[in-house]
Amino acid sequence: MNQTTKKPEIFLVTSNLHKYDEIYSIFKQYTSIQLRLLQANLVEIQSSDLEEIAIFSLKKCAKKLKEKLIFVEDSGLFIKQLNGFPGPYSAYIFRTLGLKGILTLMKMFKKREAYFQSSIAVKNENEIKVFTERVQGQISLEISDLGWGYDPIFIPDCDGTLTYGELGLKKNALSHRFLATQKLIKYLNKCILVD
């Protein structure tokens, strides 16, 4: 009798389905580990450090989900001319000011330097690991009609002309989230038995 072995799985804890879809497509392409969604609103501390926020959120989830291999991802847009604003408050600022509000704040600046950061915290047994990546770029002058979150106004330096939103699926091969997820997958492939 042939017994099929269950593929290893990990759960992304988030309420953001766009984030899940993006990370799912990366997992599907680069590992046989199954990515699952645990939809939940994360408890976040007030901190300027995304890694600290991700670790705190992970620890809160881990208390409730002891038997599952889980991770959380926190990301933010840091604009140099606004002293790193909105940074770790990106989700709140997106909901309150929106993209138009950010572009209004940027009107007085010729330089529009920014970076996107992704910090992933994962708990494997008693070990917590954090994987962080940044992508440097610029804030666009206008809002493109494509993408989600801040994607319509962030132009990565590695492309230089198109916003994340305009890059479409190509974004998944160069974004901050892609780079941090690649580090996570490399770690998971080493510590979990993968066929």
Foldseek 3Di string as FASTA:
>chain_A
DDDDDDAAEEEEEEQDVVLVVLLQVLCVVPAPHHYHYDYDHFDADDDLDQQVRQVVRVVVVCVVVVPGWYKYKAKDKAWVVVVGPPRSCQVVCCVPQNPVNVLVVCVVDPFFKMKMKMWMWTDDNNDIDIFMFMFIFGFANDFDPFDDRSQRGTDTPVVHPHGCRVCPSVNSVPHRSNRRSVVVVVVCPVPPPGD
